[in-house]
Amino acid sequence: VALRTLVIPITILLDYLILSKVPTELKWVGLSLVLV
């Protein structure tokens, strides 16, 4: 389950590319921590 947490940054990237939802600065910080 922890390894699948990577789905969040990938989904948000697809949200931006497909649904045109732009991440905020707080999201970028959170995404960085998820990746780490």
PDB file of all heavy atoms in Angstrom:
ATOM      1  N   VAL A   1       0.834  -1.207   0.000  1.00  0.00           N
ATOM      2  CA  VAL A   1       0.000   0.000   0.000  1.00  0.00           C
ATOM      3  C   VAL A   1       0.867   1.255   0.000  1.00  0.00           C
ATOM      4  O   VAL A   1       0.584   2.229  -0.705  1.00  0.00           O
ATOM      5  CB  VAL A   1      -0.945  -0.006   1.223  1.00  0.00           C
ATOM      6  CG1 VAL A   1      -1.648   1.337   1.371  1.00  0.00           C
ATOM      7  CG2 VAL A   1      -1.979  -1.105   1.083  1.00  0.00           C
ATOM      8  N   ALA A   2       1.959   1.233   0.783  1.00  0.00           N
ATOM      9  CA  ALA A   2       2.848   2.392   0.840  1.00  0.00           C
ATOM     10  C   ALA A   2       3.502   2.651  -0.512  1.00  0.00           C
ATOM     11  O   ALA A   2       3.637   3.808  -0.940  1.00  0.00           O
ATOM     12  CB  ALA A   2       3.923   2.175   1.913  1.00  0.00           C
ATOM     13  N   LEU A   3       3.904   1.584  -1.214  1.00  0.00           N
ATOM     14  CA  LEU A   3       4.499   1.751  -2.539  1.00  0.00           C
ATOM     15  C   LEU A   3       3.503   2.363  -3.519  1.00  0.00           C
ATOM     16  O   LEU A   3       3.877   3.108  -4.424  1.00  0.00           O
ATOM     17  CB  LEU A   3       4.984   0.395  -3.070  1.00  0.00           C
ATOM     18  CG  LEU A   3       6.218  -0.206  -2.392  1.00  0.00           C
ATOM     19  CD1 LEU A   3       6.460  -1.629  -2.882  1.00  0.00           C
ATOM     20  CD2 LEU A   3       7.454   0.657  -2.642  1.00  0.00           C
ATOM     21  N   ARG A   4       2.213   2.068  -3.318  1.00  0.00           N
ATOM     22  CA  ARG A   4       1.190   2.586  -4.237  1.00  0.00           C
ATOM     23  C   ARG A   4       0.874   4.054  -3.980  1.00  0.00           C
ATOM     24  O   ARG A   4       0.111   4.660  -4.743  1.00  0.00           O
ATOM     25  CB  ARG A   4      -0.081   1.735  -4.112  1.00  0.00           C
ATOM     26  CG  ARG A   4      -0.915   1.733  -5.378  1.00  0.00           C
ATOM     27  CD  ARG A   4      -2.074   0.780  -5.290  1.00  0.00           C
ATOM     28  NE  ARG A   4      -3.149   1.297  -4.454  1.00  0.00           N
ATOM     29  CZ  ARG A   4      -4.345   0.716  -4.372  1.00  0.00           C
ATOM     30  NH1 ARG A   4      -4.598  -0.381  -5.051  1.00  0.00           N
ATOM     31  NH2 ARG A   4      -5.276   1.214  -3.589  1.00  0.00           N
ATOM     32  N   THR A   5       1.463   4.637  -2.924  1.00  0.00           N
ATOM     33  CA  THR A   5       1.239   6.056  -2.652  1.00  0.00           C
ATOM     34  C   THR A   5       1.705   6.932  -3.817  1.00  0.00           C
ATOM     35  O   THR A   5       1.244   8.060  -3.995  1.00  0.00           O
ATOM     36  CB  THR A   5       1.989   6.472  -1.359  1.00  0.00           C
ATOM     37  OG1 THR A   5       1.628   5.575  -0.315  1.00  0.00           O
ATOM     38  CG2 THR A   5       1.618   7.882  -0.941  1.00  0.00           C
ATOM     39  N   LEU A   6       2.602   6.384  -4.633  1.00  0.00           N
ATOM     40  CA  LEU A   6       3.090   7.114  -5.809  1.00  0.00           C
ATOM     41  C   LEU A   6       1.958   7.460  -6.772  1.00  0.00           C
ATOM     42  O   LEU A   6       2.125   8.308  -7.654  1.00  0.00           O
ATOM     43  CB  LEU A   6       4.156   6.267  -6.521  1.00  0.00           C
ATOM     44  CG  LEU A   6       5.036   6.948  -7.561  1.00  0.00           C
ATOM     45  CD1 LEU A   6       5.860   8.054  -6.921  1.00  0.00           C
ATOM     46  CD2 LEU A   6       5.948   5.936  -8.244  1.00  0.00           C
ATOM     47  N   VAL A   7       0.793   6.825  -6.602  1.00  0.00           N
ATOM     48  CA  VAL A   7      -0.340   7.109  -7.473  1.00  0.00           C
ATOM     49  C   VAL A   7      -0.785   8.568  -7.348  1.00  0.00           C
ATOM     50  O   VAL A   7      -1.335   9.144  -8.292  1.00  0.00           O
ATOM     51  CB  VAL A   7      -1.517   6.161  -7.153  1.00  0.00           C
ATOM     52  CG1 VAL A   7      -2.199   6.538  -5.852  1.00  0.00           C
ATOM     53  CG2 VAL A   7      -2.530   6.137  -8.289  1.00  0.00           C
ATOM     54  N   ILE A   8      -0.508   9.195  -6.187  1.00  0.00           N
ATOM     55  CA  ILE A   8      -0.983  10.573  -5.970  1.00  0.00           C
ATOM     56  C   ILE A   8      -0.292  11.566  -6.901  1.00  0.00           C
ATOM     57  O   ILE A   8      -0.968  12.298  -7.636  1.00  0.00           O
ATOM     58  CB  ILE A   8      -0.814  10.980  -4.495  1.00  0.00           C
ATOM     59  CG1 ILE A   8      -1.634  10.045  -3.606  1.00  0.00           C
ATOM     60  CG2 ILE A   8      -1.255  12.418  -4.260  1.00  0.00           C
ATOM     61  CD1 ILE A   8      -1.337  10.181  -2.143  1.00  0.00           C
ATOM     62  N   PRO A   9       1.060  11.644  -6.917  1.00  0.00           N
ATOM     63  CA  PRO A   9       1.674  12.581  -7.857  1.00  0.00           C
ATOM     64  C   PRO A   9       1.364  12.258  -9.318  1.00  0.00           C
ATOM     65  O   PRO A   9       1.210  13.184 -10.133  1.00  0.00           O
ATOM     66  CB  PRO A   9       3.183  12.455  -7.560  1.00  0.00           C
ATOM     67  CG  PRO A   9       3.353  11.228  -6.766  1.00  0.00           C
ATOM     68  CD  PRO A   9       2.080  11.019  -6.030  1.00  0.00           C
ATOM     69  N   ILE A  10       1.268  10.967  -9.643  1.00  0.00           N
ATOM     70  CA  ILE A  10       0.947  10.609 -11.031  1.00  0.00           C
ATOM     71  C   ILE A  10      -0.464  11.067 -11.386  1.00  0.00           C
ATOM     72  O   ILE A  10      -0.705  11.616 -12.473  1.00  0.00           O
ATOM     73  CB  ILE A  10       1.096   9.089 -11.238  1.00  0.00           C
ATOM     74  CG1 ILE A  10       2.552   8.658 -11.042  1.00  0.00           C
ATOM     75  CG2 ILE A  10       0.621   8.691 -12.639  1.00  0.00           C
ATOM     76  CD1 ILE A  10       2.775   7.163 -11.114  1.00  0.00           C
ATOM     77  N   THR A  11      -1.404  10.873 -10.461  1.00  0.00           N
ATOM     78  CA  THR A  11      -2.788  11.297 -10.713  1.00  0.00           C
ATOM     79  C   THR A  11      -2.898  12.809 -10.827  1.00  0.00           C
ATOM     80  O   THR A  11      -3.628  13.326 -11.683  1.00  0.00           O
ATOM     81  CB  THR A  11      -3.714  10.788  -9.584  1.00  0.00           C
ATOM     82  OG1 THR A  11      -3.558   9.380  -9.438  1.00  0.00           O
ATOM     83  CG2 THR A  11      -5.166  11.093  -9.905  1.00  0.00           C
ATOM     84  N   ILE A  12      -2.182  13.523  -9.973  1.00  0.00           N
ATOM     85  CA  ILE A  12      -2.234  14.991 -10.023  1.00  0.00           C
ATOM     86  C   ILE A  12      -1.596  15.506 -11.317  1.00  0.00           C
ATOM     87  O   ILE A  12      -2.061  16.489 -11.911  1.00  0.00           O
ATOM     88  CB  ILE A  12      -1.560  15.594  -8.777  1.00  0.00           C
ATOM     89  CG1 ILE A  12      -2.450  15.325  -7.560  1.00  0.00           C
ATOM     90  CG2 ILE A  12      -1.325  17.096  -8.934  1.00  0.00           C
ATOM     91  CD1 ILE A  12      -1.916  15.839  -6.264  1.00  0.00           C
ATOM     92  N   LEU A  13      -0.538  14.827 -11.775  1.00  0.00           N
ATOM     93  CA  LEU A  13       0.050  15.183 -13.066  1.00  0.00           C
ATOM     94  C   LEU A  13      -0.965  14.971 -14.187  1.00  0.00           C
ATOM     95  O   LEU A  13      -1.123  15.820 -15.077  1.00  0.00           O
ATOM     96  CB  LEU A  13       1.302  14.335 -13.312  1.00  0.00           C
ATOM     97  CG  LEU A  13       1.965  14.502 -14.698  1.00  0.00           C
ATOM     98  CD1 LEU A  13       2.455  15.932 -14.886  1.00  0.00           C
ATOM     99  CD2 LEU A  13       3.110  13.503 -14.868  1.00  0.00           C
ATOM    100  N   LEU A  14      -1.697  13.853 -14.133  1.00  0.00           N
ATOM    101  CA  LEU A  14      -2.728  13.590 -15.140  1.00  0.00           C
ATOM    102  C   LEU A  14      -3.900  14.557 -14.997  1.00  0.00           C
ATOM    103  O   LEU A  14      -4.521  14.937 -15.996  1.00  0.00           O
ATOM    104  CB  LEU A  14      -3.208  12.140 -15.025  1.00  0.00           C
ATOM    105  CG  LEU A  14      -2.173  11.056 -15.381  1.00  0.00           C
ATOM    106  CD1 LEU A  14      -2.750   9.667 -15.140  1.00  0.00           C
ATOM    107  CD2 LEU A  14      -1.727  11.196 -16.831  1.00  0.00           C
ATOM    108  N   ASP A  15      -4.215  14.953 -13.743  1.00  0.00           N
ATOM    109  CA  ASP A  15      -5.245  15.979 -13.533  1.00  0.00           C
ATOM    110  C   ASP A  15      -4.882  17.261 -14.288  1.00  0.00           C
ATOM    111  O   ASP A  15      -5.734  17.916 -14.899  1.00  0.00           O
ATOM    112  CB  ASP A  15      -5.385  16.305 -12.038  1.00  0.00           C
ATOM    113  CG  ASP A  15      -6.187  15.251 -11.289  1.00  0.00           C
ATOM    114  OD1 ASP A  15      -6.793  14.381 -11.953  1.00  0.00           O
ATOM    115  OD2 ASP A  15      -6.207  15.291 -10.051  1.00  0.00           O
ATOM    116  N   TYR A  16      -3.597  17.601 -14.224  1.00  0.00           N
ATOM    117  CA  TYR A  16      -3.121  18.826 -14.900  1.00  0.00           C
ATOM    118  C   TYR A  16      -3.163  18.663 -16.426  1.00  0.00           C
ATOM    119  O   TYR A  16      -3.625  19.553 -17.148  1.00  0.00           O
ATOM    120  CB  TYR A  16      -1.696  19.136 -14.442  1.00  0.00           C
ATOM    121  CG  TYR A  16      -1.023  20.238 -15.224  1.00  0.00           C
ATOM    122  CD1 TYR A  16      -1.431  21.570 -15.096  1.00  0.00           C
ATOM    123  CD2 TYR A  16       0.005  19.946 -16.112  1.00  0.00           C
ATOM    124  CE1 TYR A  16      -0.830  22.585 -15.825  1.00  0.00           C
ATOM    125  CE2 TYR A  16       0.615  20.946 -16.842  1.00  0.00           C
ATOM    126  CZ  TYR A  16       0.198  22.263 -16.703  1.00  0.00           C
ATOM    127  OH  TYR A  16       0.805  23.254 -17.432  1.00  0.00           O
ATOM    128  N   LEU A  17      -2.704  17.509 -16.919  1.00  0.00           N
ATOM    129  CA  LEU A  17      -2.612  17.300 -18.367  1.00  0.00           C
ATOM    130  C   LEU A  17      -3.975  17.056 -19.006  1.00  0.00           C
ATOM    131  O   LEU A  17      -4.233  17.515 -20.122  1.00  0.00           O
ATOM    132  CB  LEU A  17      -1.694  16.099 -18.656  1.00  0.00           C
ATOM    133  CG  LEU A  17      -0.225  16.258 -18.259  1.00  0.00           C
ATOM    134  CD1 LEU A  17       0.535  14.956 -18.487  1.00  0.00           C
ATOM    135  CD2 LEU A  17       0.435  17.396 -19.033  1.00  0.00           C
ATOM    136  N   ILE A  18      -4.863  16.340 -18.282  1.00  0.00           N
ATOM    137  CA  ILE A  18      -6.143  15.935 -18.878  1.00  0.00           C
ATOM    138  C   ILE A  18      -7.293  16.831 -18.438  1.00  0.00           C
ATOM    139  O   ILE A  18      -8.129  17.228 -19.262  1.00  0.00           O
ATOM    140  CB  ILE A  18      -6.451  14.464 -18.522  1.00  0.00           C
ATOM    141  CG1 ILE A  18      -5.363  13.546 -19.104  1.00  0.00           C
ATOM    142  CG2 ILE A  18      -7.825  14.050 -19.041  1.00  0.00           C
ATOM    143  CD1 ILE A  18      -5.486  12.094 -18.684  1.00  0.00           C
ATOM    144  N   LEU A  19      -7.350  17.154 -17.142  1.00  0.00           N
ATOM    145  CA  LEU A  19      -8.467  17.942 -16.601  1.00  0.00           C
ATOM    146  C   LEU A  19      -8.124  19.416 -16.396  1.00  0.00           C
ATOM    147  O   LEU A  19      -8.949  20.187 -15.903  1.00  0.00           O
ATOM    148  CB  LEU A  19      -8.929  17.336 -15.264  1.00  0.00           C
ATOM    149  CG  LEU A  19      -9.364  15.873 -15.299  1.00  0.00           C
ATOM    150  CD1 LEU A  19      -9.766  15.400 -13.909  1.00  0.00           C
ATOM    151  CD2 LEU A  19     -10.509  15.667 -16.287  1.00  0.00           C
ATOM    152  N   SER A  20      -6.880  19.805 -16.710  1.00  0.00           N
ATOM    153  CA  SER A  20      -6.408  21.201 -16.597  1.00  0.00           C
ATOM    154  C   SER A  20      -6.504  21.749 -15.174  1.00  0.00           C
ATOM    155  O   SER A  20      -6.850  22.911 -14.966  1.00  0.00           O
ATOM    156  CB  SER A  20      -7.210  22.108 -17.558  1.00  0.00           C
ATOM    157  OG  SER A  20      -7.068  21.661 -18.882  1.00  0.00           O
ATOM    158  N   LYS A  21      -6.212  20.908 -14.185  1.00  0.00           N
ATOM    159  CA  LYS A  21      -6.199  21.340 -12.780  1.00  0.00           C
ATOM    160  C   LYS A  21      -4.748  21.625 -12.386  1.00  0.00           C
ATOM    161  O   LYS A  21      -3.927  20.704 -12.321  1.00  0.00           O
ATOM    162  CB  LYS A  21      -6.815  20.266 -11.880  1.00  0.00           C
ATOM    163  CG  LYS A  21      -8.300  20.046 -12.150  1.00  0.00           C
ATOM    164  CD  LYS A  21      -8.868  19.013 -11.210  1.00  0.00           C
ATOM    165  CE  LYS A  21     -10.360  18.793 -11.461  1.00  0.00           C
ATOM    166  NZ  LYS A  21     -11.161  19.980 -11.097  1.00  0.00           N
ATOM    167  N   VAL A  22      -4.435  22.901 -12.108  1.00  0.00           N
ATOM    168  CA  VAL A  22      -3.053  23.317 -11.835  1.00  0.00           C
ATOM    169  C   VAL A  22      -2.743  23.168 -10.346  1.00  0.00           C
ATOM    170  O   VAL A  22      -3.466  23.706  -9.503  1.00  0.00           O
ATOM    171  CB  VAL A  22      -2.834  24.785 -12.270  1.00  0.00           C
ATOM    172  CG1 VAL A  22      -1.383  25.191 -12.030  1.00  0.00           C
ATOM    173  CG2 VAL A  22      -3.209  24.965 -13.732  1.00  0.00           C
ATOM    174  N   PRO A  23      -1.668  22.437  -9.969  1.00  0.00           N
ATOM    175  CA  PRO A  23      -1.301  22.281  -8.552  1.00  0.00           C
ATOM    176  C   PRO A  23      -0.837  23.603  -7.933  1.00  0.00           C
ATOM    177  O   PRO A  23      -0.175  24.409  -8.585  1.00  0.00           O
ATOM    178  CB  PRO A  23      -0.146  21.270  -8.583  1.00  0.00           C
ATOM    179  CG  PRO A  23      -0.214  20.628  -9.930  1.00  0.00           C
ATOM    180  CD  PRO A  23      -0.794  21.656 -10.843  1.00  0.00           C
ATOM    181  N   THR A  24      -1.177  23.830  -6.667  1.00  0.00           N
ATOM    182  CA  THR A  24      -0.704  25.010  -5.933  1.00  0.00           C
ATOM    183  C   THR A  24       0.654  24.701  -5.301  1.00  0.00           C
ATOM    184  O   THR A  24       1.153  23.578  -5.359  1.00  0.00           O
ATOM    185  CB  THR A  24      -1.703  25.380  -4.826  1.00  0.00           C
ATOM    186  OG1 THR A  24      -1.797  24.285  -3.910  1.00  0.00           O
ATOM    187  CG2 THR A  24      -3.071  25.682  -5.417  1.00  0.00           C
ATOM    188  N   GLU A  25       1.267  25.746  -4.666  1.00  0.00           N
ATOM    189  CA  GLU A  25       2.572  25.547  -4.022  1.00  0.00           C
ATOM    190  C   GLU A  25       2.495  24.522  -2.893  1.00  0.00           C
ATOM    191  O   GLU A  25       3.407  23.706  -2.707  1.00  0.00           O
ATOM    192  CB  GLU A  25       3.086  26.886  -3.480  1.00  0.00           C
ATOM    193  CG  GLU A  25       3.449  27.884  -4.569  1.00  0.00           C
ATOM    194  CD  GLU A  25       3.969  29.192  -3.983  1.00  0.00           C
ATOM    195  OE1 GLU A  25       4.041  29.278  -2.741  1.00  0.00           O
ATOM    196  OE2 GLU A  25       4.291  30.092  -4.777  1.00  0.00           O
ATOM    197  N   LEU A  26       1.376  24.557  -2.125  1.00  0.00           N
ATOM    198  CA  LEU A  26       1.217  23.600  -1.026  1.00  0.00           C
ATOM    199  C   LEU A  26       1.154  22.170  -1.568  1.00  0.00           C
ATOM    200  O   LEU A  26       1.707  21.239  -0.967  1.00  0.00           O
ATOM    201  CB  LEU A  26      -0.050  23.928  -0.240  1.00  0.00           C
ATOM    202  CG  LEU A  26      -0.269  23.154   1.078  1.00  0.00           C
ATOM    203  CD1 LEU A  26       0.889  23.399   2.032  1.00  0.00           C
ATOM    204  CD2 LEU A  26      -1.585  23.563   1.726  1.00  0.00           C
ATOM    205  N   LYS A  27       0.507  22.010  -2.710  1.00  0.00           N
ATOM    206  CA  LYS A  27       0.442  20.689  -3.317  1.00  0.00           C
ATOM    207  C   LYS A  27       1.828  20.207  -3.732  1.00  0.00           C
ATOM    208  O   LYS A  27       2.172  19.034  -3.561  1.00  0.00           O
ATOM    209  CB  LYS A  27      -0.475  20.709  -4.545  1.00  0.00           C
ATOM    210  CG  LYS A  27      -1.948  20.831  -4.243  1.00  0.00           C
ATOM    211  CD  LYS A  27      -2.710  20.740  -5.554  1.00  0.00           C
ATOM    212  CE  LYS A  27      -4.156  21.158  -5.377  1.00  0.00           C
ATOM    213  NZ  LYS A  27      -4.862  21.185  -6.667  1.00  0.00           N
ATOM    214  N   TRP A  28       2.629  21.142  -4.289  1.00  0.00           N
ATOM    215  CA  TRP A  28       3.976  20.756  -4.711  1.00  0.00           C
ATOM    216  C   TRP A  28       4.814  20.287  -3.528  1.00  0.00           C
ATOM    217  O   TRP A  28       5.566  19.314  -3.637  1.00  0.00           O
ATOM    218  CB  TRP A  28       4.678  21.929  -5.408  1.00  0.00           C
ATOM    219  CG  TRP A  28       4.212  22.184  -6.819  1.00  0.00           C
ATOM    220  CD1 TRP A  28       3.628  23.315  -7.298  1.00  0.00           C
ATOM    221  CD2 TRP A  28       4.305  21.271  -7.918  1.00  0.00           C
ATOM    222  NE1 TRP A  28       3.330  23.167  -8.630  1.00  0.00           N
ATOM    223  CE2 TRP A  28       3.741  21.928  -9.044  1.00  0.00           C
ATOM    224  CE3 TRP A  28       4.792  19.979  -8.064  1.00  0.00           C
ATOM    225  CZ2 TRP A  28       3.674  21.324 -10.288  1.00  0.00           C
ATOM    226  CZ3 TRP A  28       4.719  19.365  -9.318  1.00  0.00           C
ATOM    227  CH2 TRP A  28       4.168  20.045 -10.414  1.00  0.00           C
ATOM    228  N   VAL A  29       4.675  20.961  -2.393  1.00  0.00           N
ATOM    229  CA  VAL A  29       5.407  20.548  -1.185  1.00  0.00           C
ATOM    230  C   VAL A  29       4.946  19.155  -0.757  1.00  0.00           C
ATOM    231  O   VAL A  29       5.762  18.273  -0.448  1.00  0.00           O
ATOM    232  CB  VAL A  29       5.194  21.565  -0.039  1.00  0.00           C
ATOM    233  CG1 VAL A  29       5.846  21.049   1.248  1.00  0.00           C
ATOM    234  CG2 VAL A  29       5.786  22.918  -0.409  1.00  0.00           C
ATOM    235  N   GLY A  30       3.625  18.966  -0.737  1.00  0.00           N
ATOM    236  CA  GLY A  30       3.076  17.661  -0.357  1.00  0.00           C
ATOM    237  C   GLY A  30       3.508  16.563  -1.307  1.00  0.00           C
ATOM    238  O   GLY A  30       3.885  15.465  -0.883  1.00  0.00           O
ATOM    239  N   LEU A  31       3.498  16.860  -2.611  1.00  0.00           N
ATOM    240  CA  LEU A  31       3.918  15.874  -3.606  1.00  0.00           C
ATOM    241  C   LEU A  31       5.377  15.480  -3.419  1.00  0.00           C
ATOM    242  O   LEU A  31       5.747  14.308  -3.568  1.00  0.00           O
ATOM    243  CB  LEU A  31       3.713  16.432  -5.017  1.00  0.00           C
ATOM    244  CG  LEU A  31       2.276  16.567  -5.497  1.00  0.00           C
ATOM    245  CD1 LEU A  31       2.239  17.219  -6.863  1.00  0.00           C
ATOM    246  CD2 LEU A  31       1.609  15.204  -5.558  1.00  0.00           C
ATOM    247  N   SER A  32       6.213  16.467  -3.094  1.00  0.00           N
ATOM    248  CA  SER A  32       7.635  16.191  -2.860  1.00  0.00           C
ATOM    249  C   SER A  32       7.814  15.229  -1.686  1.00  0.00           C
ATOM    250  O   SER A  32       8.614  14.285  -1.754  1.00  0.00           O
ATOM    251  CB  SER A  32       8.397  17.494  -2.589  1.00  0.00           C
ATOM    252  OG  SER A  32       8.286  18.381  -3.680  1.00  0.00           O
ATOM    253  N   LEU A  33       7.032  15.439  -0.617  1.00  0.00           N
ATOM    254  CA  LEU A  33       7.127  14.555   0.544  1.00  0.00           C
ATOM    255  C   LEU A  33       6.622  13.148   0.213  1.00  0.00           C
ATOM    256  O   LEU A  33       7.190  12.149   0.670  1.00  0.00           O
ATOM    257  CB  LEU A  33       6.322  15.140   1.715  1.00  0.00           C
ATOM    258  CG  LEU A  33       6.910  16.398   2.365  1.00  0.00           C
ATOM    259  CD1 LEU A  33       5.969  16.941   3.436  1.00  0.00           C
ATOM    260  CD2 LEU A  33       8.275  16.095   2.984  1.00  0.00           C
ATOM    261  N   VAL A  34       5.560  13.072  -0.588  1.00  0.00           N
ATOM    262  CA  VAL A  34       5.045  11.774  -1.009  1.00  0.00           C
ATOM    263  C   VAL A  34       6.114  11.007  -1.791  1.00  0.00           C
ATOM    264  O   VAL A  34       6.346   9.811  -1.569  1.00  0.00           O
ATOM    265  CB  VAL A  34       3.774  11.931  -1.870  1.00  0.00           C
ATOM    266  CG1 VAL A  34       3.404  10.606  -2.531  1.00  0.00           C
ATOM    267  CG2 VAL A  34       2.622  12.420  -1.015  1.00  0.00           C
ATOM    268  N   LEU A  35       6.784  11.705  -2.704  1.00  0.00           N
ATOM    269  CA  LEU A  35       7.833  11.075  -3.505  1.00  0.00           C
ATOM    270  C   LEU A  35       8.991  10.608  -2.621  1.00  0.00           C
ATOM    271  O   LEU A  35       9.516   9.504  -2.809  1.00  0.00           O
ATOM    272  CB  LEU A  35       8.341  12.048  -4.577  1.00  0.00           C
ATOM    273  CG  LEU A  35       7.374  12.347  -5.726  1.00  0.00           C
ATOM    274  CD1 LEU A  35       7.923  13.458  -6.605  1.00  0.00           C
ATOM    275  CD2 LEU A  35       7.148  11.087  -6.562  1.00  0.00           C
ATOM    276  N   VAL A  36       9.383  11.436  -1.659  1.00  0.00           N
ATOM    277  CA  VAL A  36      10.473  11.072  -0.754  1.00  0.00           C
ATOM    278  C   VAL A  36      10.096   9.841   0.072  1.00  0.00           C
ATOM    279  O   VAL A  36      10.876   8.884   0.193  1.00  0.00           O
ATOM    280  CB  VAL A  36      10.841  12.249   0.178  1.00  0.00           C
ATOM    281  CG1 VAL A  36      11.795  11.795   1.285  1.00  0.00           C
ATOM    282  CG2 VAL A  36      11.483  13.382  -0.613  1.00  0.00           C
TER     283      VAL A  36
END
